[in-house]
Amino acid sequence: MNAALNFLGLAKRAGKLVIGEESVKLEARANRTKLILTASDAGDTLKKRAENFARMAKCAHTPLPFSKEELGMLLGRGTPGILGITDSGMAKAFSEKLVKGEII
């Protein structure tokens, strides 16, 4: 399994991953979201909302190279188009690995 998907599974088990638009929006409004992620096949409207949530929470928005179906299979939650990491350390580690190409 891909390292990124493993990382997201770890974040979920640690309780540091919010899944779905409403959950991400609530966490972003409360300034608890540290990184917002969208699935590769998320619609344009959802991507714009993700950008707005990221601006609201003063955090980054990163599109993922994984489809909603792949994320859903890993997370056991339907087909989520948007995720949020709520832990600063996890968000930073995920971003660094993504930039270095260790995740893809």
N, C-alpha and C. Protein backbone atom coordinates (compact mmCIF):
# COMPACT_ATOMS: atom_id res chain seq x y z
N MET A 1 0.85 -1.19 0.00
CA MET A 1 0.00 0.00 0.00
C MET A 1 0.89 1.24 0.00
N ASN A 2 0.41 2.29 -0.63
CA ASN A 2 1.13 3.54 -0.74
C ASN A 2 1.38 4.16 0.64
N ALA A 3 2.53 4.78 0.79
CA ALA A 3 2.90 5.39 2.08
C ALA A 3 1.92 6.48 2.49
N ALA A 4 1.38 7.23 1.53
CA ALA A 4 0.43 8.29 1.86
C ALA A 4 -0.85 7.71 2.43
N LEU A 5 -1.33 6.65 1.83
CA LEU A 5 -2.54 6.03 2.33
C LEU A 5 -2.31 5.45 3.72
N ASN A 6 -1.13 4.87 3.94
CA ASN A 6 -0.78 4.39 5.28
C ASN A 6 -0.79 5.54 6.28
N PHE A 7 -0.22 6.67 5.88
CA PHE A 7 -0.13 7.84 6.74
C PHE A 7 -1.53 8.34 7.10
N LEU A 8 -2.42 8.39 6.12
CA LEU A 8 -3.79 8.84 6.39
C LEU A 8 -4.51 7.87 7.31
N GLY A 9 -4.26 6.58 7.15
CA GLY A 9 -4.84 5.59 8.05
C GLY A 9 -4.35 5.78 9.47
N LEU A 10 -3.07 6.09 9.62
CA LEU A 10 -2.50 6.36 10.93
C LEU A 10 -3.14 7.60 11.56
N ALA A 11 -3.30 8.65 10.76
CA ALA A 11 -3.93 9.88 11.26
C ALA A 11 -5.37 9.60 11.71
N LYS A 12 -6.08 8.76 10.97
CA LYS A 12 -7.45 8.41 11.35
C LYS A 12 -7.47 7.67 12.67
N ARG A 13 -6.59 6.67 12.80
CA ARG A 13 -6.55 5.89 14.05
C ARG A 13 -6.16 6.77 15.25
N ALA A 14 -5.36 7.80 14.99
CA ALA A 14 -4.94 8.70 16.06
C ALA A 14 -6.01 9.75 16.38
N GLY A 15 -7.08 9.77 15.59
CA GLY A 15 -8.13 10.76 15.82
C GLY A 15 -7.77 12.14 15.33
N LYS A 16 -6.83 12.22 14.39
CA LYS A 16 -6.35 13.51 13.88
C LYS A 16 -6.76 13.77 12.44
N LEU A 17 -7.72 12.99 11.94
CA LEU A 17 -8.19 13.14 10.57
C LEU A 17 -9.69 13.34 10.59
N VAL A 18 -10.15 14.41 9.96
CA VAL A 18 -11.59 14.63 9.80
C VAL A 18 -11.94 14.32 8.36
N ILE A 19 -13.10 13.71 8.19
CA ILE A 19 -13.49 13.19 6.88
C ILE A 19 -14.82 13.79 6.47
N GLY A 20 -14.87 14.33 5.26
CA GLY A 20 -16.12 14.87 4.73
C GLY A 20 -16.21 16.38 4.86
N GLU A 21 -17.02 16.95 3.98
CA GLU A 21 -17.10 18.41 3.88
C GLU A 21 -17.57 19.08 5.16
N GLU A 22 -18.64 18.58 5.76
CA GLU A 22 -19.17 19.23 6.97
C GLU A 22 -18.17 19.18 8.13
N SER A 23 -17.53 18.03 8.31
CA SER A 23 -16.55 17.89 9.40
C SER A 23 -15.35 18.81 9.18
N VAL A 24 -14.89 18.88 7.95
CA VAL A 24 -13.74 19.75 7.64
C VAL A 24 -14.14 21.20 7.84
N LYS A 25 -15.33 21.57 7.42
CA LYS A 25 -15.79 22.95 7.58
C LYS A 25 -15.85 23.34 9.06
N LEU A 26 -16.41 22.47 9.89
CA LEU A 26 -16.50 22.76 11.32
C LEU A 26 -15.13 22.93 11.96
N GLU A 27 -14.21 22.04 11.60
CA GLU A 27 -12.84 22.12 12.16
C GLU A 27 -12.11 23.36 11.64
N ALA A 28 -12.33 23.71 10.38
CA ALA A 28 -11.69 24.90 9.81
C ALA A 28 -12.21 26.16 10.49
N ARG A 29 -13.52 26.22 10.72
CA ARG A 29 -14.09 27.39 11.41
C ARG A 29 -13.54 27.54 12.82
N ALA A 30 -13.23 26.42 13.45
CA ALA A 30 -12.68 26.45 14.81
C ALA A 30 -11.15 26.57 14.80
N ASN A 31 -10.57 26.76 13.63
CA ASN A 31 -9.11 26.88 13.47
C ASN A 31 -8.34 25.66 13.95
N ARG A 32 -8.93 24.49 13.84
CA ARG A 32 -8.25 23.27 14.26
C ARG A 32 -7.65 22.49 13.09
N THR A 33 -8.01 22.86 11.86
CA THR A 33 -7.51 22.16 10.69
C THR A 33 -6.13 22.72 10.33
N LYS A 34 -5.17 21.82 10.17
CA LYS A 34 -3.80 22.23 9.85
C LYS A 34 -3.44 21.96 8.39
N LEU A 35 -4.18 21.07 7.74
CA LEU A 35 -3.96 20.76 6.32
C LEU A 35 -5.26 20.19 5.76
N ILE A 36 -5.69 20.71 4.62
CA ILE A 36 -6.89 20.22 3.96
C ILE A 36 -6.48 19.51 2.68
N LEU A 37 -7.05 18.33 2.47
CA LEU A 37 -6.70 17.50 1.32
C LEU A 37 -7.95 17.20 0.51
N THR A 38 -7.81 17.19 -0.82
CA THR A 38 -8.94 16.81 -1.67
C THR A 38 -8.53 15.66 -2.58
N ALA A 39 -9.51 14.83 -2.89
CA ALA A 39 -9.30 13.69 -3.78
C ALA A 39 -9.04 14.19 -5.19
N SER A 40 -8.34 13.37 -5.97
CA SER A 40 -7.99 13.76 -7.33
C SER A 40 -9.22 13.96 -8.21
N ASP A 41 -10.30 13.25 -7.91
CA ASP A 41 -11.51 13.37 -8.71
C ASP A 41 -12.61 14.18 -8.03
N ALA A 42 -12.22 15.01 -7.06
CA ALA A 42 -13.19 15.90 -6.41
C ALA A 42 -13.64 16.94 -7.42
N GLY A 43 -14.89 17.35 -7.34
CA GLY A 43 -15.43 18.33 -8.26
C GLY A 43 -14.86 19.72 -8.03
N ASP A 44 -15.01 20.57 -9.03
CA ASP A 44 -14.50 21.94 -8.94
C ASP A 44 -15.12 22.71 -7.79
N THR A 45 -16.40 22.50 -7.54
CA THR A 45 -17.07 23.20 -6.45
C THR A 45 -16.46 22.80 -5.11
N LEU A 46 -16.21 21.52 -4.92
CA LEU A 46 -15.62 21.06 -3.66
C LEU A 46 -14.20 21.59 -3.52
N LYS A 47 -13.46 21.65 -4.60
CA LYS A 47 -12.09 22.19 -4.54
C LYS A 47 -12.11 23.66 -4.14
N LYS A 48 -13.07 24.42 -4.66
CA LYS A 48 -13.19 25.83 -4.28
C LYS A 48 -13.56 25.97 -2.81
N ARG A 49 -14.47 25.10 -2.35
CA ARG A 49 -14.82 25.13 -0.92
C ARG A 49 -13.61 24.78 -0.07
N ALA A 50 -12.83 23.80 -0.51
CA ALA A 50 -11.63 23.41 0.23
C ALA A 50 -10.67 24.60 0.33
N GLU A 51 -10.53 25.35 -0.75
CA GLU A 51 -9.67 26.54 -0.73
C GLU A 51 -10.21 27.56 0.28
N ASN A 52 -11.53 27.74 0.29
CA ASN A 52 -12.13 28.67 1.24
C ASN A 52 -11.93 28.20 2.68
N PHE A 53 -12.10 26.91 2.93
CA PHE A 53 -11.88 26.37 4.27
C PHE A 53 -10.43 26.59 4.69
N ALA A 54 -9.50 26.36 3.75
CA ALA A 54 -8.07 26.53 4.05
C ALA A 54 -7.77 28.00 4.39
N ARG A 55 -8.37 28.90 3.64
CA ARG A 55 -8.18 30.32 3.93
C ARG A 55 -8.74 30.66 5.30
N MET A 56 -9.91 30.11 5.61
CA MET A 56 -10.56 30.35 6.90
C MET A 56 -9.68 29.86 8.05
N ALA A 57 -9.08 28.69 7.89
CA ALA A 57 -8.27 28.09 8.95
C ALA A 57 -6.81 28.52 8.88
N LYS A 58 -6.46 29.31 7.85
CA LYS A 58 -5.08 29.75 7.64
C LYS A 58 -4.14 28.54 7.54
N CYS A 59 -4.54 27.59 6.69
CA CYS A 59 -3.73 26.40 6.47
C CYS A 59 -3.65 26.12 4.98
N ALA A 60 -2.89 25.12 4.61
CA ALA A 60 -2.71 24.78 3.20
C ALA A 60 -3.81 23.84 2.72
N HIS A 61 -4.06 23.91 1.42
CA HIS A 61 -4.95 22.95 0.75
C HIS A 61 -4.10 22.22 -0.28
N THR A 62 -4.12 20.91 -0.24
CA THR A 62 -3.31 20.10 -1.15
C THR A 62 -4.18 19.06 -1.84
N PRO A 63 -4.17 19.05 -3.18
CA PRO A 63 -4.87 17.98 -3.88
C PRO A 63 -4.06 16.69 -3.79
N LEU A 64 -4.74 15.59 -3.60
CA LEU A 64 -4.08 14.29 -3.49
C LEU A 64 -4.10 13.55 -4.82
N PRO A 65 -3.17 12.63 -5.03
CA PRO A 65 -3.17 11.83 -6.25
C PRO A 65 -4.04 10.58 -6.13
N PHE A 66 -4.98 10.58 -5.20
CA PHE A 66 -5.84 9.42 -4.97
C PHE A 66 -7.30 9.79 -5.21
N SER A 67 -8.05 8.86 -5.74
CA SER A 67 -9.46 9.09 -6.01
C SER A 67 -10.29 8.97 -4.73
N LYS A 68 -11.53 9.41 -4.83
CA LYS A 68 -12.44 9.28 -3.69
C LYS A 68 -12.64 7.80 -3.34
N GLU A 69 -12.69 6.96 -4.35
CA GLU A 69 -12.87 5.52 -4.11
C GLU A 69 -11.69 4.94 -3.34
N GLU A 70 -10.46 5.32 -3.72
CA GLU A 70 -9.27 4.82 -3.02
C GLU A 70 -9.27 5.29 -1.56
N LEU A 71 -9.62 6.56 -1.34
CA LEU A 71 -9.67 7.08 0.02
C LEU A 71 -10.75 6.39 0.82
N GLY A 72 -11.89 6.17 0.20
CA GLY A 72 -13.00 5.50 0.88
C GLY A 72 -12.65 4.09 1.29
N MET A 73 -11.95 3.36 0.42
CA MET A 73 -11.56 1.99 0.75
C MET A 73 -10.61 1.98 1.94
N LEU A 74 -9.70 2.91 1.99
CA LEU A 74 -8.74 2.98 3.10
C LEU A 74 -9.42 3.38 4.40
N LEU A 75 -10.26 4.38 4.33
CA LEU A 75 -10.84 4.99 5.53
C LEU A 75 -12.15 4.35 5.96
N GLY A 76 -12.72 3.53 5.09
CA GLY A 76 -13.97 2.88 5.44
C GLY A 76 -15.14 3.84 5.57
N ARG A 77 -15.12 4.89 4.78
CA ARG A 77 -16.15 5.94 4.90
C ARG A 77 -16.67 6.37 3.54
N GLY A 78 -17.35 5.54 2.82
CA GLY A 78 -17.94 5.93 1.55
C GLY A 78 -16.88 6.37 0.55
N THR A 79 -17.10 7.53 -0.06
CA THR A 79 -16.15 8.07 -1.02
C THR A 79 -15.88 9.54 -0.69
N PRO A 80 -15.07 9.80 0.32
CA PRO A 80 -14.82 11.18 0.74
C PRO A 80 -13.99 11.96 -0.27
N GLY A 81 -14.44 13.17 -0.58
CA GLY A 81 -13.70 14.02 -1.50
C GLY A 81 -12.79 14.99 -0.79
N ILE A 82 -12.99 15.16 0.51
CA ILE A 82 -12.20 16.14 1.27
C ILE A 82 -11.87 15.58 2.65
N LEU A 83 -10.64 15.85 3.08
CA LEU A 83 -10.14 15.41 4.38
C LEU A 83 -9.43 16.58 5.04
N GLY A 84 -9.30 16.51 6.35
CA GLY A 84 -8.53 17.52 7.07
C GLY A 84 -7.69 16.87 8.14
N ILE A 85 -6.44 17.27 8.22
CA ILE A 85 -5.55 16.80 9.28
C ILE A 85 -5.54 17.88 10.35
N THR A 86 -5.77 17.48 11.61
CA THR A 86 -5.91 18.46 12.69
C THR A 86 -4.69 18.53 13.61
N ASP A 87 -3.67 17.78 13.32
CA ASP A 87 -2.46 17.80 14.14
C ASP A 87 -1.34 18.49 13.35
N SER A 88 -0.71 19.49 13.95
CA SER A 88 0.34 20.25 13.27
C SER A 88 1.51 19.37 12.82
N GLY A 89 1.96 18.51 13.72
CA GLY A 89 3.10 17.64 13.40
C GLY A 89 2.79 16.69 12.26
N MET A 90 1.61 16.10 12.28
CA MET A 90 1.21 15.18 11.21
C MET A 90 1.05 15.92 9.89
N ALA A 91 0.46 17.10 9.94
CA ALA A 91 0.27 17.89 8.72
C ALA A 91 1.62 18.27 8.12
N LYS A 92 2.54 18.68 8.96
CA LYS A 92 3.87 19.07 8.49
C LYS A 92 4.60 17.87 7.90
N ALA A 93 4.56 16.74 8.58
CA ALA A 93 5.24 15.54 8.09
C ALA A 93 4.64 15.09 6.76
N PHE A 94 3.32 15.10 6.65
CA PHE A 94 2.67 14.70 5.41
C PHE A 94 3.07 15.63 4.27
N SER A 95 3.05 16.94 4.52
CA SER A 95 3.42 17.92 3.49
C SER A 95 4.86 17.74 3.04
N GLU A 96 5.76 17.54 4.00
CA GLU A 96 7.17 17.36 3.67
C GLU A 96 7.39 16.12 2.81
N LYS A 97 6.73 15.05 3.17
CA LYS A 97 6.86 13.81 2.40
C LYS A 97 6.27 13.99 1.00
N LEU A 98 5.19 14.72 0.90
CA LEU A 98 4.57 14.96 -0.40
C LEU A 98 5.50 15.79 -1.28
N VAL A 99 6.11 16.83 -0.71
CA VAL A 99 7.02 17.70 -1.48
C VAL A 99 8.26 16.91 -1.92
N LYS A 100 8.77 16.05 -1.06
CA LYS A 100 9.97 15.28 -1.39
C LYS A 100 9.66 14.11 -2.34
N GLY A 101 8.39 13.87 -2.58
CA GLY A 101 8.02 12.79 -3.47
C GLY A 101 8.03 11.43 -2.81
N GLU A 102 8.10 11.40 -1.49
CA GLU A 102 8.14 10.13 -0.77
C GLU A 102 6.76 9.49 -0.68
N ILE A 103 5.74 10.27 -0.93
CA ILE A 103 4.38 9.79 -0.75
C ILE A 103 3.80 9.26 -2.04
N ILE A 104 4.14 9.84 -3.13
CA ILE A 104 3.51 9.45 -4.39
C ILE A 104 4.26 8.30 -5.03
